[in-house]
């Protein structure tokens, strides 16, 4: 039987006056979420909190009433993947509803990346440029594709990856909760095994650290707490231009160990979640 150890933390960074990121670490339902709010003032913070809370409530309600299929059920996906996907659609609807009810919130939105584990399969669902990674056997793999204008140009062959790194529009997202009335949620499923380490993060981490640098920090033999806090510290050491949020979860065997005898200790913080 596989188990999960997890960690989550968020930091305002060095330049922002408030934190628009929000996250959730839910070991009961094995659901992990990072949302990066947009809109300035306190609006982005409101959007990300609505998203995280909506996802949490939808998943808990769905799992407590197991067997009820969500609206728009996709037969190509497992049941828990459908729950995760529909929870993000529900979060989007609630962000739009909040905007309709309070005109001062017009323009707010949030990215989101979520993961849910069940029956040796992790579903990853996302909208925007918050990312999901997996470290397996020392190899780091990016599991999500940024929904940004620049990344779309790279995929289309109009920009190189090097050009994209310094492009003035690199932070312009093309999908976000609270944007278009209809939202497209990308979902992937991946089989897991003991030792797999997953990272969910806001772009406050990935704009400060390269994938190679993130990889270097994930492979060290340290606790999840130490690894997560080191990632946040290093993002701030590079300038801390944005809020940074890190969620880690490690797949372990029934003894709490990963291959090689590693048994990273778990420490969770959820100070950003209302």
C-alpha atoms as a PDB file:
ATOM      1  CA  UNK A   1       0.000   0.000   0.000  1.00  0.00           C
ATOM      2  CA  UNK A   2       1.279   3.428  -0.925  1.00  0.00           C
ATOM      3  CA  UNK A   3       1.081   6.422   1.384  1.00  0.00           C
ATOM      4  CA  UNK A   4       1.787  10.141   1.005  1.00  0.00           C
ATOM      5  CA  UNK A   5       3.910  12.593   2.936  1.00  0.00           C
ATOM      6  CA  UNK A   6       3.364  16.267   2.178  1.00  0.00           C
ATOM      7  CA  UNK A   7       4.465  19.839   2.796  1.00  0.00           C
ATOM      8  CA  UNK A   8       3.109  23.227   1.801  1.00  0.00           C
ATOM      9  CA  UNK A   9       4.123  26.828   2.410  1.00  0.00           C
ATOM     10  CA  UNK A  10       3.771  30.278   0.872  1.00  0.00           C
ATOM     11  CA  UNK A  11       5.751  33.498   1.163  1.00  0.00           C
ATOM     12  CA  UNK A  12       4.959  37.071   0.146  1.00  0.00           C
ATOM     13  CA  UNK A  13       8.416  37.595  -1.371  1.00  0.00           C
ATOM     14  CA  UNK A  14      10.527  40.722  -1.060  1.00  0.00           C
ATOM     15  CA  UNK A  15       8.745  43.237  -3.294  1.00  0.00           C
ATOM     16  CA  UNK A  16       4.995  42.600  -2.968  1.00  0.00           C
ATOM     17  CA  UNK A  17       2.984  44.183  -0.158  1.00  0.00           C
ATOM     18  CA  UNK A  18       0.551  41.263   0.179  1.00  0.00           C
ATOM     19  CA  UNK A  19       0.302  37.625  -0.821  1.00  0.00           C
ATOM     20  CA  UNK A  20      -2.109  36.743  -3.641  1.00  0.00           C
ATOM     21  CA  UNK A  21      -1.111  33.046  -3.611  1.00  0.00           C
ATOM     22  CA  UNK A  22      -3.121  30.405  -1.791  1.00  0.00           C
ATOM     23  CA  UNK A  23      -2.656  26.651  -1.381  1.00  0.00           C
ATOM     24  CA  UNK A  24      -4.163  23.567   0.193  1.00  0.00           C
ATOM     25  CA  UNK A  25      -2.610  20.340   1.481  1.00  0.00           C
ATOM     26  CA  UNK A  26      -5.346  17.791   2.130  1.00  0.00           C
ATOM     27  CA  UNK A  27      -3.915  14.418   3.120  1.00  0.00           C
ATOM     28  CA  UNK A  28      -7.363  12.998   3.954  1.00  0.00           C
ATOM     29  CA  UNK A  29      -8.495  13.086   0.327  1.00  0.00           C
ATOM     30  CA  UNK A  30      -4.925  13.298  -1.016  1.00  0.00           C
ATOM     31  CA  UNK A  31      -5.600  16.532  -2.872  1.00  0.00           C
ATOM     32  CA  UNK A  32      -2.983  19.275  -3.280  1.00  0.00           C
ATOM     33  CA  UNK A  33      -3.596  22.712  -4.800  1.00  0.00           C
ATOM     34  CA  UNK A  34      -1.716  25.924  -5.613  1.00  0.00           C
ATOM     35  CA  UNK A  35      -3.502  29.056  -6.866  1.00  0.00           C
ATOM     36  CA  UNK A  36      -1.810  32.297  -7.922  1.00  0.00           C
ATOM     37  CA  UNK A  37      -4.184  35.255  -7.853  1.00  0.00           C
ATOM     38  CA  UNK A  38      -4.092  38.166 -10.273  1.00  0.00           C
ATOM     39  CA  UNK A  39      -5.715  41.567 -10.280  1.00  0.00           C
ATOM     40  CA  UNK A  40      -3.742  43.731  -7.898  1.00  0.00           C
ATOM     41  CA  UNK A  41      -4.808  45.304  -4.601  1.00  0.00           C
ATOM     42  CA  UNK A  42      -6.563  42.487  -2.716  1.00  0.00           C
ATOM     43  CA  UNK A  43      -8.504  41.161  -5.692  1.00  0.00           C
ATOM     44  CA  UNK A  44      -6.108  38.415  -6.691  1.00  0.00           C
ATOM     45  CA  UNK A  45      -5.987  37.176  -3.134  1.00  0.00           C
ATOM     46  CA  UNK A  46      -9.774  36.896  -3.107  1.00  0.00           C
ATOM     47  CA  UNK A  47      -9.802  34.926  -6.380  1.00  0.00           C
ATOM     48  CA  UNK A  48      -7.156  32.434  -5.247  1.00  0.00           C
ATOM     49  CA  UNK A  49      -8.879  31.883  -1.906  1.00  0.00           C
ATOM     50  CA  UNK A  50     -12.234  31.305  -3.622  1.00  0.00           C
ATOM     51  CA  UNK A  51     -10.579  28.798  -5.967  1.00  0.00           C
ATOM     52  CA  UNK A  52      -8.831  26.808  -3.241  1.00  0.00           C
ATOM     53  CA  UNK A  53     -11.875  26.729  -0.987  1.00  0.00           C
ATOM     54  CA  UNK A  54     -14.182  25.733  -3.858  1.00  0.00           C
ATOM     55  CA  UNK A  55     -11.915  22.870  -4.906  1.00  0.00           C
ATOM     56  CA  UNK A  56     -11.624  21.639  -1.323  1.00  0.00           C
ATOM     57  CA  UNK A  57     -15.405  21.707  -0.794  1.00  0.00           C
ATOM     58  CA  UNK A  58     -16.229  20.062  -4.126  1.00  0.00           C
ATOM     59  CA  UNK A  59     -13.770  17.206  -3.570  1.00  0.00           C
ATOM     60  CA  UNK A  60     -14.871  16.545   0.002  1.00  0.00           C
ATOM     61  CA  UNK A  61     -18.552  16.576  -0.989  1.00  0.00           C
ATOM     62  CA  UNK A  62     -17.887  14.285  -3.958  1.00  0.00           C
ATOM     63  CA  UNK A  63     -15.778  11.789  -2.015  1.00  0.00           C
ATOM     64  CA  UNK A  64     -18.240  11.688   0.873  1.00  0.00           C
ATOM     65  CA  UNK A  65     -20.959  10.811  -1.671  1.00  0.00           C
ATOM     66  CA  UNK A  66     -18.878   8.338  -3.657  1.00  0.00           C
ATOM     67  CA  UNK A  67     -20.572   7.036  -6.786  1.00  0.00           C
ATOM     68  CA  UNK A  68     -22.115  10.312  -7.877  1.00  0.00           C
ATOM     69  CA  UNK A  69     -20.618  11.205 -11.236  1.00  0.00           C
ATOM     70  CA  UNK A  70     -19.842  14.879 -11.839  1.00  0.00           C
ATOM     71  CA  UNK A  71     -21.502  16.889 -14.605  1.00  0.00           C
ATOM     72  CA  UNK A  72     -19.620  16.518 -17.888  1.00  0.00           C
ATOM     73  CA  UNK A  73     -18.057  13.184 -16.858  1.00  0.00           C
ATOM     74  CA  UNK A  74     -15.189  12.261 -19.198  1.00  0.00           C
ATOM     75  CA  UNK A  75     -15.080   8.508 -19.765  1.00  0.00           C
ATOM     76  CA  UNK A  76     -11.430   8.808 -20.838  1.00  0.00           C
ATOM     77  CA  UNK A  77     -10.475   9.831 -17.302  1.00  0.00           C
ATOM     78  CA  UNK A  78     -10.656   8.031 -13.976  1.00  0.00           C
ATOM     79  CA  UNK A  79     -13.341   9.029 -11.520  1.00  0.00           C
ATOM     80  CA  UNK A  80     -11.030  11.017  -9.231  1.00  0.00           C
ATOM     81  CA  UNK A  81      -9.589  12.834 -12.255  1.00  0.00           C
ATOM     82  CA  UNK A  82     -13.120  13.857 -13.197  1.00  0.00           C
ATOM     83  CA  UNK A  83     -13.733  15.109  -9.668  1.00  0.00           C
ATOM     84  CA  UNK A  84     -10.578  17.227  -9.804  1.00  0.00           C
ATOM     85  CA  UNK A  85     -11.391  18.614 -13.240  1.00  0.00           C
ATOM     86  CA  UNK A  86     -14.980  19.464 -12.296  1.00  0.00           C
ATOM     87  CA  UNK A  87     -13.818  21.062  -9.032  1.00  0.00           C
ATOM     88  CA  UNK A  88     -11.770  23.557 -11.054  1.00  0.00           C
ATOM     89  CA  UNK A  89     -14.732  24.329 -13.293  1.00  0.00           C
ATOM     90  CA  UNK A  90     -16.786  24.923 -10.143  1.00  0.00           C
ATOM     91  CA  UNK A  91     -14.065  27.207  -8.775  1.00  0.00           C
ATOM     92  CA  UNK A  92     -14.116  29.190 -12.012  1.00  0.00           C
ATOM     93  CA  UNK A  93     -17.888  29.605 -11.763  1.00  0.00           C
ATOM     94  CA  UNK A  94     -17.593  30.858  -8.186  1.00  0.00           C
ATOM     95  CA  UNK A  95     -14.935  33.410  -9.108  1.00  0.00           C
ATOM     96  CA  UNK A  96     -17.198  34.685 -11.906  1.00  0.00           C
ATOM     97  CA  UNK A  97     -20.135  34.795  -9.495  1.00  0.00           C
ATOM     98  CA  UNK A  98     -18.132  36.886  -7.018  1.00  0.00           C
ATOM     99  CA  UNK A  99     -17.264  39.352  -9.794  1.00  0.00           C
ATOM    100  CA  UNK A 100     -20.900  39.630 -10.867  1.00  0.00           C
ATOM    101  CA  UNK A 101     -21.976  40.327  -7.298  1.00  0.00           C
ATOM    102  CA  UNK A 102     -19.257  42.903  -6.577  1.00  0.00           C
ATOM    103  CA  UNK A 103     -18.210  45.164  -9.445  1.00  0.00           C
ATOM    104  CA  UNK A 104     -15.071  46.262  -7.589  1.00  0.00           C
ATOM    105  CA  UNK A 105     -13.669  42.754  -8.159  1.00  0.00           C
ATOM    106  CA  UNK A 106     -13.819  43.090 -11.945  1.00  0.00           C
ATOM    107  CA  UNK A 107     -10.499  42.031 -13.445  1.00  0.00           C
ATOM    108  CA  UNK A 108      -9.500  39.582 -10.736  1.00  0.00           C
ATOM    109  CA  UNK A 109      -8.565  36.029 -11.611  1.00  0.00           C
ATOM    110  CA  UNK A 110      -6.303  33.191 -10.595  1.00  0.00           C
ATOM    111  CA  UNK A 111      -4.236  30.393 -12.033  1.00  0.00           C
ATOM    112  CA  UNK A 112      -4.535  26.977 -10.435  1.00  0.00           C
ATOM    113  CA  UNK A 113      -2.740  23.655 -10.450  1.00  0.00           C
ATOM    114  CA  UNK A 114      -4.126  20.705  -8.526  1.00  0.00           C
ATOM    115  CA  UNK A 115      -3.204  17.090  -7.966  1.00  0.00           C
ATOM    116  CA  UNK A 116      -5.231  14.196  -6.607  1.00  0.00           C
ATOM    117  CA  UNK A 117      -3.979  10.691  -5.810  1.00  0.00           C
ATOM    118  CA  UNK A 118      -6.100   7.566  -5.760  1.00  0.00           C
ATOM    119  CA  UNK A 119      -5.419   3.915  -6.590  1.00  0.00           C
ATOM    120  CA  UNK A 120      -1.785   4.476  -7.598  1.00  0.00           C
ATOM    121  CA  UNK A 121      -2.717   7.221 -10.079  1.00  0.00           C
ATOM    122  CA  UNK A 122      -2.103  10.939  -9.693  1.00  0.00           C
ATOM    123  CA  UNK A 123      -4.283  13.293 -11.704  1.00  0.00           C
ATOM    124  CA  UNK A 124      -2.830  16.731 -12.431  1.00  0.00           C
ATOM    125  CA  UNK A 125      -5.210  19.472 -13.574  1.00  0.00           C
ATOM    126  CA  UNK A 126      -4.278  23.070 -14.275  1.00  0.00           C
ATOM    127  CA  UNK A 127      -5.218  26.436 -15.746  1.00  0.00           C
ATOM    128  CA  UNK A 128      -2.587  29.133 -16.239  1.00  0.00           C
ATOM    129  CA  UNK A 129       1.137  29.079 -15.486  1.00  0.00           C
ATOM    130  CA  UNK A 130       1.317  27.498 -12.045  1.00  0.00           C
ATOM    131  CA  UNK A 131       3.203  24.271 -12.593  1.00  0.00           C
ATOM    132  CA  UNK A 132       3.328  20.592 -11.644  1.00  0.00           C
ATOM    133  CA  UNK A 133       6.559  18.550 -11.668  1.00  0.00           C
ATOM    134  CA  UNK A 134       7.499  14.969 -10.841  1.00  0.00           C
ATOM    135  CA  UNK A 135      10.904  13.781  -9.668  1.00  0.00           C
ATOM    136  CA  UNK A 136      11.407  10.065 -10.375  1.00  0.00           C
ATOM    137  CA  UNK A 137      14.707   8.176 -10.145  1.00  0.00           C
ATOM    138  CA  UNK A 138      16.554  11.475 -10.071  1.00  0.00           C
ATOM    139  CA  UNK A 139      14.878  12.771 -13.240  1.00  0.00           C
ATOM    140  CA  UNK A 140      12.702  15.897 -13.073  1.00  0.00           C
ATOM    141  CA  UNK A 141       9.761  16.096 -15.475  1.00  0.00           C
ATOM    142  CA  UNK A 142       7.483  19.080 -16.068  1.00  0.00           C
ATOM    143  CA  UNK A 143       3.984  17.608 -16.222  1.00  0.00           C
ATOM    144  CA  UNK A 144       2.112  20.797 -17.153  1.00  0.00           C
ATOM    145  CA  UNK A 145       2.349  23.245 -20.034  1.00  0.00           C
ATOM    146  CA  UNK A 146       2.149  26.960 -19.240  1.00  0.00           C
ATOM    147  CA  UNK A 147      -0.981  28.621 -20.572  1.00  0.00           C
ATOM    148  CA  UNK A 148       0.881  31.786 -21.564  1.00  0.00           C
ATOM    149  CA  UNK A 149       1.165  33.736 -24.790  1.00  0.00           C
ATOM    150  CA  UNK A 150       4.914  33.203 -24.901  1.00  0.00           C
ATOM    151  CA  UNK A 151       4.736  29.440 -24.391  1.00  0.00           C
ATOM    152  CA  UNK A 152       2.149  29.191 -27.156  1.00  0.00           C
ATOM    153  CA  UNK A 153       4.587  30.981 -29.461  1.00  0.00           C
ATOM    154  CA  UNK A 154       7.330  28.534 -28.485  1.00  0.00           C
ATOM    155  CA  UNK A 155       5.061  25.542 -29.176  1.00  0.00           C
ATOM    156  CA  UNK A 156       4.107  27.062 -32.538  1.00  0.00           C
ATOM    157  CA  UNK A 157       7.776  27.557 -33.407  1.00  0.00           C
ATOM    158  CA  UNK A 158       7.720  31.362 -33.501  1.00  0.00           C
ATOM    159  CA  UNK A 159       9.959  31.811 -30.450  1.00  0.00           C
ATOM    160  CA  UNK A 160      12.868  29.795 -29.100  1.00  0.00           C
ATOM    161  CA  UNK A 161      12.963  28.803 -25.441  1.00  0.00           C
ATOM    162  CA  UNK A 162      15.857  31.201 -24.938  1.00  0.00           C
ATOM    163  CA  UNK A 163      13.897  34.078 -26.485  1.00  0.00           C
ATOM    164  CA  UNK A 164      10.915  33.204 -24.311  1.00  0.00           C
ATOM    165  CA  UNK A 165      12.907  33.590 -21.090  1.00  0.00           C
ATOM    166  CA  UNK A 166      13.465  37.313 -21.639  1.00  0.00           C
ATOM    167  CA  UNK A 167      10.353  38.179 -23.660  1.00  0.00           C
ATOM    168  CA  UNK A 168       8.456  41.187 -22.252  1.00  0.00           C
ATOM    169  CA  UNK A 169       5.143  39.270 -22.486  1.00  0.00           C
ATOM    170  CA  UNK A 170       6.396  36.115 -20.756  1.00  0.00           C
ATOM    171  CA  UNK A 171       3.996  36.572 -17.829  1.00  0.00           C
ATOM    172  CA  UNK A 172       0.841  37.111 -19.899  1.00  0.00           C
ATOM    173  CA  UNK A 173      -1.454  34.148 -19.223  1.00  0.00           C
ATOM    174  CA  UNK A 174      -3.980  33.002 -21.814  1.00  0.00           C
ATOM    175  CA  UNK A 175      -6.171  31.031 -19.389  1.00  0.00           C
ATOM    176  CA  UNK A 176      -7.252  31.886 -15.847  1.00  0.00           C
ATOM    177  CA  UNK A 177     -10.177  31.276 -13.537  1.00  0.00           C
ATOM    178  CA  UNK A 178     -12.377  34.363 -13.697  1.00  0.00           C
ATOM    179  CA  UNK A 179     -11.463  35.137 -17.296  1.00  0.00           C
ATOM    180  CA  UNK A 180     -13.568  33.834 -20.198  1.00  0.00           C
ATOM    181  CA  UNK A 181     -17.029  32.517 -19.350  1.00  0.00           C
ATOM    182  CA  UNK A 182     -15.895  29.050 -20.484  1.00  0.00           C
ATOM    183  CA  UNK A 183     -12.639  27.614 -19.214  1.00  0.00           C
ATOM    184  CA  UNK A 184     -10.555  24.731 -20.591  1.00  0.00           C
ATOM    185  CA  UNK A 185      -8.902  22.607 -17.900  1.00  0.00           C
ATOM    186  CA  UNK A 186      -5.954  20.441 -18.931  1.00  0.00           C
ATOM    187  CA  UNK A 187      -5.798  17.079 -17.141  1.00  0.00           C
ATOM    188  CA  UNK A 188      -3.160  14.366 -17.237  1.00  0.00           C
ATOM    189  CA  UNK A 189      -2.962  11.078 -15.358  1.00  0.00           C
ATOM    190  CA  UNK A 190       0.253   9.393 -14.322  1.00  0.00           C
ATOM    191  CA  UNK A 191       0.858   6.070 -12.602  1.00  0.00           C
ATOM    192  CA  UNK A 192       2.886   6.446  -9.420  1.00  0.00           C
ATOM    193  CA  UNK A 193       5.366   4.337  -7.529  1.00  0.00           C
ATOM    194  CA  UNK A 194       7.151   4.607  -4.231  1.00  0.00           C
ATOM    195  CA  UNK A 195       9.752   7.367  -4.311  1.00  0.00           C
ATOM    196  CA  UNK A 196       7.924   9.696  -6.691  1.00  0.00           C
ATOM    197  CA  UNK A 197       8.147  13.296  -5.471  1.00  0.00           C
ATOM    198  CA  UNK A 198       5.661  15.830  -6.858  1.00  0.00           C
ATOM    199  CA  UNK A 199       6.062  19.611  -6.777  1.00  0.00           C
ATOM    200  CA  UNK A 200       3.253  22.109  -7.342  1.00  0.00           C
ATOM    201  CA  UNK A 201       4.271  25.765  -7.404  1.00  0.00           C
ATOM    202  CA  UNK A 202       3.364  29.288  -8.434  1.00  0.00           C
ATOM    203  CA  UNK A 203       5.448  31.165 -10.982  1.00  0.00           C
ATOM    204  CA  UNK A 204       7.082  33.069  -8.144  1.00  0.00           C
ATOM    205  CA  UNK A 205       9.350  30.023  -7.929  1.00  0.00           C
ATOM    206  CA  UNK A 206       9.835  29.209 -11.608  1.00  0.00           C
ATOM    207  CA  UNK A 207      10.645  32.764 -12.679  1.00  0.00           C
ATOM    208  CA  UNK A 208      13.420  32.887 -10.076  1.00  0.00           C
ATOM    209  CA  UNK A 209      14.837  29.363 -10.416  1.00  0.00           C
ATOM    210  CA  UNK A 210      15.440  27.329 -13.562  1.00  0.00           C
ATOM    211  CA  UNK A 211      14.266  23.726 -13.851  1.00  0.00           C
ATOM    212  CA  UNK A 212      17.895  22.646 -13.417  1.00  0.00           C
ATOM    213  CA  UNK A 213      18.149  24.596 -10.168  1.00  0.00           C
ATOM    214  CA  UNK A 214      14.842  23.229  -8.912  1.00  0.00           C
ATOM    215  CA  UNK A 215      16.095  19.738  -9.713  1.00  0.00           C
ATOM    216  CA  UNK A 216      19.268  20.303  -7.677  1.00  0.00           C
ATOM    217  CA  UNK A 217      17.207  21.206  -4.617  1.00  0.00           C
ATOM    218  CA  UNK A 218      14.763  18.306  -4.940  1.00  0.00           C
ATOM    219  CA  UNK A 219      17.350  15.519  -5.131  1.00  0.00           C
ATOM    220  CA  UNK A 220      19.042  16.302  -1.810  1.00  0.00           C
ATOM    221  CA  UNK A 221      18.490  13.859   1.052  1.00  0.00           C
ATOM    222  CA  UNK A 222      16.534  16.251   3.257  1.00  0.00           C
ATOM    223  CA  UNK A 223      13.054  16.436   4.747  1.00  0.00           C
ATOM    224  CA  UNK A 224      10.189  17.826   2.675  1.00  0.00           C
ATOM    225  CA  UNK A 225      10.099  20.764   5.093  1.00  0.00           C
ATOM    226  CA  UNK A 226      13.768  21.553   4.453  1.00  0.00           C
ATOM    227  CA  UNK A 227      13.448  21.139   0.691  1.00  0.00           C
ATOM    228  CA  UNK A 228      10.334  23.299   0.447  1.00  0.00           C
ATOM    229  CA  UNK A 229      11.708  26.076   2.617  1.00  0.00           C
ATOM    230  CA  UNK A 230      15.010  26.032   0.740  1.00  0.00           C
ATOM    231  CA  UNK A 231      13.161  26.511  -2.566  1.00  0.00           C
ATOM    232  CA  UNK A 232      11.317  29.518  -1.142  1.00  0.00           C
ATOM    233  CA  UNK A 233      14.488  30.934   0.421  1.00  0.00           C
ATOM    234  CA  UNK A 234      16.397  30.646  -2.849  1.00  0.00           C
ATOM    235  CA  UNK A 235      13.602  32.283  -4.853  1.00  0.00           C
ATOM    236  CA  UNK A 236      13.751  35.221  -2.455  1.00  0.00           C
ATOM    237  CA  UNK A 237      17.543  35.265  -2.600  1.00  0.00           C
ATOM    238  CA  UNK A 238      17.275  35.785  -6.356  1.00  0.00           C
ATOM    239  CA  UNK A 239      15.150  38.890  -5.818  1.00  0.00           C
ATOM    240  CA  UNK A 240      11.807  37.642  -4.522  1.00  0.00           C
ATOM    241  CA  UNK A 241       9.949  39.611  -7.202  1.00  0.00           C
ATOM    242  CA  UNK A 242       6.686  37.730  -6.644  1.00  0.00           C
ATOM    243  CA  UNK A 243       4.815  35.697  -4.062  1.00  0.00           C
ATOM    244  CA  UNK A 244       6.140  32.145  -4.032  1.00  0.00           C
ATOM    245  CA  UNK A 245       4.232  29.006  -3.057  1.00  0.00           C
ATOM    246  CA  UNK A 246       5.507  25.441  -2.880  1.00  0.00           C
ATOM    247  CA  UNK A 247       3.564  22.222  -2.270  1.00  0.00           C
ATOM    248  CA  UNK A 248       5.448  18.917  -2.171  1.00  0.00           C
ATOM    249  CA  UNK A 249       4.071  15.410  -1.792  1.00  0.00           C
ATOM    250  CA  UNK A 250       6.092  12.213  -1.703  1.00  0.00           C
ATOM    251  CA  UNK A 251       4.804   8.728  -2.496  1.00  0.00           C
ATOM    252  CA  UNK A 252       6.104   6.230   0.078  1.00  0.00           C
ATOM    253  CA  UNK A 253       5.490   2.592   0.964  1.00  0.00           C
ATOM    254  CA  UNK A 254       3.404   1.400   3.911  1.00  0.00           C
ATOM    255  CA  UNK A 255       6.435   1.810   6.189  1.00  0.00           C
ATOM    256  CA  UNK A 256       6.766   5.460   5.229  1.00  0.00           C
ATOM    257  CA  UNK A 257       9.902   4.822   3.217  1.00  0.00           C
ATOM    258  CA  UNK A 258      10.925   5.584  -0.363  1.00  0.00           C
ATOM    259  CA  UNK A 259      13.447   3.468  -2.329  1.00  0.00           C
ATOM    260  CA  UNK A 260      16.915   3.544  -0.793  1.00  0.00           C
ATOM    261  CA  UNK A 261      15.553   3.756   2.742  1.00  0.00           C
ATOM    262  CA  UNK A 262      14.786   7.455   2.590  1.00  0.00           C
ATOM    263  CA  UNK A 263      11.927   8.443   4.871  1.00  0.00           C
ATOM    264  CA  UNK A 264      11.640  12.208   4.532  1.00  0.00           C
ATOM    265  CA  UNK A 265       9.854  13.703   7.509  1.00  0.00           C
ATOM    266  CA  UNK A 266       6.682  15.632   6.839  1.00  0.00           C
ATOM    267  CA  UNK A 267       5.779  19.094   8.075  1.00  0.00           C
ATOM    268  CA  UNK A 268       2.800  20.980   6.744  1.00  0.00           C
ATOM    269  CA  UNK A 269       1.854  24.615   7.078  1.00  0.00           C
ATOM    270  CA  UNK A 270      -1.287  26.149   5.696  1.00  0.00           C
ATOM    271  CA  UNK A 271      -1.148  29.733   6.885  1.00  0.00           C
ATOM    272  CA  UNK A 272      -2.489  31.074   3.597  1.00  0.00           C
ATOM    273  CA  UNK A 273      -5.685  29.008   3.618  1.00  0.00           C
ATOM    274  CA  UNK A 274      -8.704  30.683   5.237  1.00  0.00           C
END
